[in-house]
Protein backbone atom coordinates (compact mmCIF):
# COMPACT_ATOMS: atom_id res chain seq x y z
CA MET A 1 -63.25 22.17 -20.49
CA ALA A 2 -60.15 21.11 -22.42
CA PHE A 3 -60.77 23.82 -25.00
CA ILE A 4 -61.09 26.55 -22.36
CA ASP A 5 -57.99 25.23 -20.60
CA PHE A 6 -56.03 25.18 -23.86
CA CYS A 7 -57.03 28.70 -24.92
CA LEU A 8 -56.12 30.19 -21.56
CA GLN A 9 -52.72 28.50 -21.55
CA TYR A 10 -51.66 29.13 -25.16
CA TYR A 11 -53.70 32.14 -26.29
CA GLY A 12 -54.02 33.91 -22.93
CA SER A 13 -57.76 34.49 -23.17
CA VAL A 14 -61.02 32.92 -24.32
CA GLY A 15 -64.61 34.04 -24.76
CA ARG A 16 -68.03 32.54 -25.31
CA GLY A 17 -67.73 33.27 -29.01
CA GLU A 18 -64.95 30.71 -29.43
CA LEU A 19 -67.03 28.04 -27.70
CA MET A 20 -70.03 28.82 -29.89
CA ASN A 21 -67.99 28.74 -33.10
CA ASN A 22 -66.10 25.55 -32.30
CA PHE A 23 -68.88 23.49 -30.76
CA GLY A 24 -72.05 24.99 -32.18
CA THR A 25 -73.41 25.76 -28.73
CA ALA A 26 -75.76 28.52 -27.63
CA VAL A 27 -74.92 31.45 -25.36
CA ALA A 28 -76.50 29.83 -22.32
CA SER A 29 -74.49 26.67 -22.80
CA GLY A 30 -71.25 28.66 -23.04
CA THR A 31 -72.09 30.47 -19.81
CA ARG A 32 -72.61 27.14 -18.04
CA ASP A 33 -69.28 25.85 -19.37
CA PHE A 34 -67.38 28.83 -17.98
CA THR A 35 -69.22 28.53 -14.66
CA LEU A 36 -68.17 24.89 -14.38
CA TYR A 37 -64.58 25.71 -15.30
CA ARG A 38 -64.44 28.43 -12.65
CA GLU A 39 -65.74 25.94 -10.09
CA LEU A 40 -62.96 23.53 -11.04
CA ALA A 41 -60.16 26.10 -11.26
CA SER A 42 -61.11 29.51 -9.90
CA ASN A 43 -57.47 30.66 -9.84
CA ASN A 44 -56.97 30.03 -13.56
CA LEU A 45 -59.00 32.85 -15.08
CA VAL A 46 -60.52 36.25 -14.51
CA LEU A 47 -63.40 37.92 -16.37
CA ARG A 48 -62.74 41.37 -17.78
CA HIS A 49 -66.08 43.10 -18.18
CA GLU A 50 -64.86 45.63 -20.75
CA ASP A 51 -64.65 42.94 -23.43
CA LYS A 52 -66.46 40.08 -21.63
CA ARG A 53 -63.53 37.73 -22.08
CA TYR A 54 -61.78 35.46 -19.62
CA TYR A 55 -58.04 35.99 -19.22
CA ARG A 56 -55.34 33.73 -17.85
CA LYS A 57 -54.13 34.50 -14.33
CA ASP A 58 -50.54 34.12 -13.18
CA THR A 59 -51.75 31.44 -10.76
CA PHE A 60 -52.90 29.27 -13.70
CA GLN A 61 -52.55 25.51 -13.21
CA ALA A 62 -53.59 23.45 -16.24
CA LEU A 63 -56.47 21.04 -15.66
CA PHE A 64 -55.44 18.92 -18.65
CA VAL A 65 -52.11 17.55 -19.84
CA HIS A 66 -51.39 19.13 -23.21
CA ASP A 67 -48.75 17.11 -25.08
CA SER A 68 -46.29 19.41 -26.90
CA ARG A 69 -46.80 17.70 -30.27
CA ALA A 70 -50.57 17.90 -29.92
CA VAL A 71 -50.26 21.56 -28.90
CA LEU A 72 -48.26 22.44 -32.02
CA SER A 73 -50.76 20.59 -34.19
CA THR A 74 -53.64 22.44 -32.56
CA LEU A 75 -51.94 25.82 -32.89
CA ALA A 76 -51.31 25.15 -36.57
CA HIS A 77 -54.52 23.38 -37.56
CA GLY A 78 -57.12 24.27 -34.95
CA PHE A 79 -58.70 22.59 -31.96
CA GLY A 80 -60.26 19.19 -32.61
CA GLY A 81 -57.51 17.73 -34.81
CA GLY A 82 -58.19 19.99 -37.76
CA LEU A 83 -61.02 17.78 -39.09
CA THR A 84 -63.68 20.41 -39.76
CA VAL A 85 -62.86 23.12 -37.24
CA ASP A 86 -61.42 26.50 -38.17
CA HIS A 87 -58.74 28.20 -36.11
CA PRO A 88 -60.20 29.51 -32.84
CA ARG A 89 -57.84 32.48 -33.17
CA PRO A 90 -55.53 33.78 -35.93
CA SER A 91 -52.79 31.17 -36.37
CA LEU A 92 -49.54 31.82 -34.51
CA CYS A 93 -47.97 28.53 -35.60
CA GLU A 94 -47.26 27.26 -39.12
CA ASP A 95 -46.75 23.60 -39.95
CA ALA A 96 -44.64 22.30 -42.83
CA PRO A 97 -46.66 21.88 -46.03
CA ASP A 98 -47.83 18.31 -46.53
CA LEU A 99 -46.94 17.38 -50.09
CA VAL A 100 -47.72 13.66 -49.93
CA ALA A 101 -51.12 13.27 -48.26
CA PRO A 102 -52.94 10.15 -49.52
CA PRO A 103 -56.22 10.66 -51.45
CA GLN A 104 -59.23 10.43 -49.14
CA VAL A 105 -60.86 7.52 -50.96
CA VAL A 106 -57.64 5.48 -50.71
CA LEU A 107 -57.13 6.36 -47.06
CA ALA A 108 -60.74 5.61 -46.18
CA THR A 109 -60.75 2.21 -47.89
CA LEU A 110 -57.45 1.15 -46.35
CA SER A 111 -58.45 2.24 -42.86
CA ARG A 112 -61.77 0.38 -43.15
CA ALA A 113 -59.94 -2.74 -44.26
CA ILE A 114 -57.63 -2.54 -41.25
CA SER A 115 -60.50 -1.92 -38.86
CA GLN A 116 -62.56 -4.80 -40.29
CA ARG A 117 -59.56 -7.09 -40.85
CA GLN A 118 -60.22 -7.47 -44.55
CA ALA A 119 -58.05 -7.82 -47.63
CA VAL A 120 -57.94 -5.17 -50.35
CA GLN A 121 -57.32 -5.37 -54.06
CA LEU A 122 -55.34 -2.43 -55.32
CA THR A 123 -53.61 -1.10 -58.38
CA TYR A 124 -50.14 0.01 -57.38
CA LEU A 125 -47.69 2.09 -59.39
CA SER A 126 -44.17 0.94 -58.54
CA LEU A 127 -40.98 2.70 -59.62
CA SER A 128 -39.41 -0.65 -60.51
CA SER A 129 -42.26 -2.58 -62.15
CA GLY A 130 -44.82 0.04 -63.12
CA SER A 131 -48.55 -0.44 -62.64
CA ASN A 132 -49.76 -3.82 -61.38
CA GLU A 133 -52.58 -5.30 -59.36
CA ARG A 134 -52.04 -6.82 -55.92
CA VAL A 135 -54.08 -8.24 -53.11
CA ILE A 136 -52.75 -7.25 -49.71
CA ILE A 137 -53.93 -7.57 -46.13
CA PRO A 138 -53.11 -4.19 -44.54
CA HIS A 139 -52.61 -3.93 -40.81
CA VAL A 140 -51.26 -0.41 -40.20
CA ILE A 141 -50.86 2.98 -41.85
CA VAL A 142 -47.54 4.53 -40.86
CA ASN A 143 -45.60 7.71 -41.57
CA ASN A 144 -41.94 7.02 -42.34
CA GLY A 145 -41.00 10.69 -42.01
CA GLN A 146 -41.51 11.54 -45.67
CA ARG A 147 -44.43 9.47 -46.90
CA TRP A 148 -47.43 7.59 -45.61
CA HIS A 149 -47.01 3.85 -46.05
CA ILE A 150 -49.44 1.01 -45.74
CA ARG A 151 -47.88 -2.12 -44.27
CA GLY A 152 -49.43 -5.49 -44.88
CA TYR A 153 -49.10 -8.96 -46.29
CA CYS A 154 -48.71 -9.11 -50.07
CA ARG A 155 -50.15 -12.30 -51.56
CA SER A 156 -48.13 -11.88 -54.75
CA ARG A 157 -44.77 -11.73 -52.94
CA LYS A 158 -45.94 -13.91 -50.03
CA GLN A 159 -44.38 -11.60 -47.47
CA PHE A 160 -45.09 -8.47 -45.43
CA ARG A 161 -44.14 -5.32 -47.32
CA ASP A 162 -44.52 -1.54 -47.28
CA PHE A 163 -46.52 0.30 -49.94
CA VAL A 164 -46.58 4.06 -50.48
CA CYS A 165 -50.18 5.20 -50.08
CA THR A 166 -49.99 7.89 -52.74
CA ARG A 167 -48.97 5.29 -55.36
CA VAL A 168 -52.22 3.39 -54.93
CA THR A 169 -54.34 4.43 -57.93
CA GLU A 170 -57.32 2.13 -57.33
CA VAL A 171 -58.42 0.20 -54.26
CA CYS A 172 -61.43 -1.82 -53.16
CA LEU A 173 -62.24 -4.29 -50.42
CA ASN A 174 -61.61 -7.96 -51.19
CA GLU A 175 -63.97 -10.52 -49.68
CA THR A 176 -61.55 -13.46 -49.61
CA PRO A 177 -60.84 -14.87 -46.11
CA VAL A 178 -57.75 -13.63 -44.26
CA GLU A 179 -55.47 -16.40 -43.05
CA PRO A 180 -53.56 -16.30 -39.72
CA HIS A 181 -50.16 -16.03 -41.47
CA GLU A 182 -51.40 -12.86 -43.22
CA GLN A 183 -52.29 -10.97 -40.05
CA GLN A 184 -50.27 -8.52 -37.96
CA LEU A 185 -49.35 -11.10 -35.34
CA ALA A 186 -47.41 -12.98 -38.02
CA ASP A 187 -45.42 -9.90 -39.10
CA THR A 188 -42.10 -10.65 -37.38
CA GLU A 189 -40.43 -7.38 -38.38
CA TRP A 190 -43.35 -5.36 -37.06
CA ASN A 191 -43.59 -7.18 -33.75
CA HIS A 192 -39.84 -7.22 -33.04
CA MET A 193 -38.91 -4.11 -31.05
CA LEU A 194 -35.49 -2.46 -31.14
CA SER A 195 -34.05 -0.02 -28.61
CA LEU A 196 -31.99 2.54 -30.55
CA GLU A 197 -29.32 4.45 -28.61
CA LEU A 198 -28.95 7.86 -30.24
CA VAL A 199 -26.13 10.14 -29.10
CA PRO A 200 -24.68 13.39 -30.47
CA HIS A 201 -22.18 12.70 -33.22
CA PRO A 202 -18.76 12.25 -31.58
CA ASN A 203 -17.17 14.73 -34.02
CA LEU A 204 -19.44 17.63 -33.09
CA GLN A 205 -17.77 20.62 -31.47
CA HIS A 206 -20.79 21.43 -29.28
CA PRO A 207 -22.75 18.20 -28.74
CA GLU A 208 -24.83 19.78 -25.98
CA ALA A 209 -26.83 21.64 -28.66
CA ILE A 210 -27.97 18.34 -30.16
CA ALA A 211 -28.66 16.98 -26.70
CA LEU A 212 -31.10 19.86 -26.22
CA ASP A 213 -32.68 19.33 -29.65
CA PHE A 214 -33.57 15.73 -28.89
CA GLY A 215 -34.31 16.02 -25.19
CA MET A 216 -31.44 13.72 -24.22
CA LEU A 217 -30.76 12.56 -20.71
CA ARG A 218 -27.29 12.02 -19.31
CA GLU A 219 -26.12 8.47 -18.75
CA ASN A 220 -22.57 7.81 -17.54
CA ASN A 221 -21.94 11.50 -18.23
CA GLN A 222 -22.96 11.14 -21.89
CA PRO A 223 -26.19 12.54 -23.38
CA ILE A 224 -28.36 9.82 -24.89
CA ARG A 225 -31.86 9.38 -26.27
CA ARG A 226 -33.29 5.86 -26.33
CA ILE A 227 -36.04 5.18 -28.83
CA ASN A 228 -38.06 1.99 -28.87
CA ILE A 229 -39.28 1.24 -32.36
CA CYS A 230 -40.34 -1.81 -34.31
CA ALA A 231 -37.71 -3.26 -36.64
CA ALA A 232 -39.89 -2.60 -39.67
CA ARG A 233 -39.60 1.17 -39.06
CA ALA A 234 -36.01 1.46 -37.85
CA GLY A 235 -34.31 1.99 -41.21
CA TYR A 236 -36.81 4.65 -42.24
CA LEU A 237 -36.42 6.58 -38.99
CA LEU A 238 -32.63 6.50 -39.08
CA ARG A 239 -32.60 7.72 -42.67
CA HIS A 240 -35.18 10.42 -41.95
CA TRP A 241 -33.09 11.81 -39.08
CA ASN A 242 -29.87 11.31 -41.06
CA VAL A 243 -28.28 9.28 -38.26
CA ASP A 244 -24.71 8.08 -38.77
CA CYS A 245 -24.98 4.32 -38.32
CA SER A 246 -21.40 3.46 -39.22
CA GLN A 247 -19.26 1.55 -36.76
CA ASP A 248 -16.56 4.23 -36.57
CA HIS A 249 -18.89 7.27 -36.98
CA HIS A 250 -16.93 8.35 -40.07
CA LEU A 251 -19.77 10.25 -41.77
CA SER A 252 -19.65 14.03 -41.69
CA ALA A 253 -20.88 15.52 -38.40
CA ASP A 254 -22.00 18.60 -40.33
CA GLU A 255 -24.66 16.50 -42.08
CA HIS A 256 -25.20 13.78 -39.48
CA HIS A 257 -25.82 15.27 -36.05
CA LEU A 258 -26.64 11.92 -34.45
CA TRP A 259 -24.75 8.63 -34.15
CA LEU A 260 -26.34 5.25 -33.49
CA ARG A 261 -24.18 4.01 -30.64
CA ASN A 262 -25.51 0.45 -30.69
CA HIS A 263 -25.28 0.12 -34.48
CA LYS A 264 -24.93 -3.67 -34.34
CA ILE A 265 -28.59 -3.89 -33.38
CA LEU A 266 -29.40 -3.37 -37.06
CA GLU A 267 -27.75 -6.64 -38.11
CA ALA A 268 -31.09 -8.46 -38.05
CA CYS A 269 -33.15 -5.56 -39.40
CA ALA A 270 -34.53 -6.12 -42.92
CA ASN A 271 -34.46 -2.43 -43.90
CA ALA A 272 -31.12 -1.65 -42.22
CA SER A 273 -29.70 -0.82 -45.65
CA LEU A 274 -31.64 2.47 -45.47
CA ALA A 275 -29.61 3.54 -42.40
CA PRO A 276 -26.81 5.95 -43.43
CA GLY A 277 -23.36 4.39 -43.17
CA PHE A 278 -24.52 1.02 -41.92
CA THR A 279 -22.48 -1.94 -43.20
CA PRO A 280 -23.32 -5.48 -42.09
CA SER A 281 -20.27 -7.36 -40.88
CA ALA A 282 -18.54 -10.27 -42.67
CA LYS A 283 -20.42 -10.24 -45.96
CA THR A 284 -19.57 -12.37 -48.96
CA SER A 285 -19.50 -10.79 -52.42
CA SER A 286 -22.83 -12.38 -53.35
CA GLU A 287 -24.37 -11.13 -50.10
CA LYS A 288 -23.07 -7.63 -50.81
CA THR A 289 -24.64 -7.71 -54.27
CA ALA A 290 -27.95 -8.89 -52.84
CA SER A 291 -27.77 -6.20 -50.15
CA ALA A 292 -27.10 -3.49 -52.74
CA GLN A 293 -30.08 -4.65 -54.78
CA ALA A 294 -32.28 -4.69 -51.69
CA THR A 295 -31.12 -1.17 -50.79
CA ALA A 296 -31.96 0.10 -54.27
CA GLN A 297 -35.46 -1.40 -54.02
CA LEU A 298 -36.04 0.07 -50.57
CA LEU A 299 -34.93 3.49 -51.74
CA ARG A 300 -37.34 3.32 -54.66
CA ASN A 301 -40.17 2.45 -52.26
CA HIS A 302 -39.01 5.09 -49.75
């Protein structure tokens, strides 16, 4: 039903052939599916006998909620998440090429470890220290906007860290018991949520264009987009969207279309050094040196 609904809304027509190709069903089954859909929404489609296809009517009312991001993914990769299904129609939407997809064996092992709450032993190629073996307890696979990271507890460093999935050269499950302090509930940075207040950069000549880009709502006559995100991801997101996080929004508005209005919220964020223009207040010289070193390490991992 969702497939028929989707094709009518975004392709304008659908036939039994698409159902048969996508779901491996027989002709009789496809006929029953269209009969059921017509019973549910008779004003959504009309059969044209010349080509035996169902076409969208102007009175169409979607039976399913199709999220815009999911729609774009389906238009680009096919219905069903692009797992094994070909395009139901010639593609009318092109996605950006994915240059950093993790190898399947790495992705499969990491996802199984997360699902079964197990540790993994992996060989990791770091930009700073080269190839080395680690035992980590992964709890989530996350896209930082450029790369897929695995976040988990590193027993070597005795802290939660991010690892780039594509830099894992070998990985296998580790049978050692997982302790409570190694699990997701103990990851303070992951569990601490931040509410970022993104607004058009104050130096833009036409901020309403950016307000449209990011679906901003008006609050006290100012466009704003609030994003709730865990602290562990905040720095990555702000860097990915090139958000000016300086106190006085001094970065170029030509390059930084957004400004983080509540920039002080990053004071307690471990990866805040990734945020463009962000400078923690009242730092000593030793703290500045440590911060610079931490930034360099984060950028190497990023």
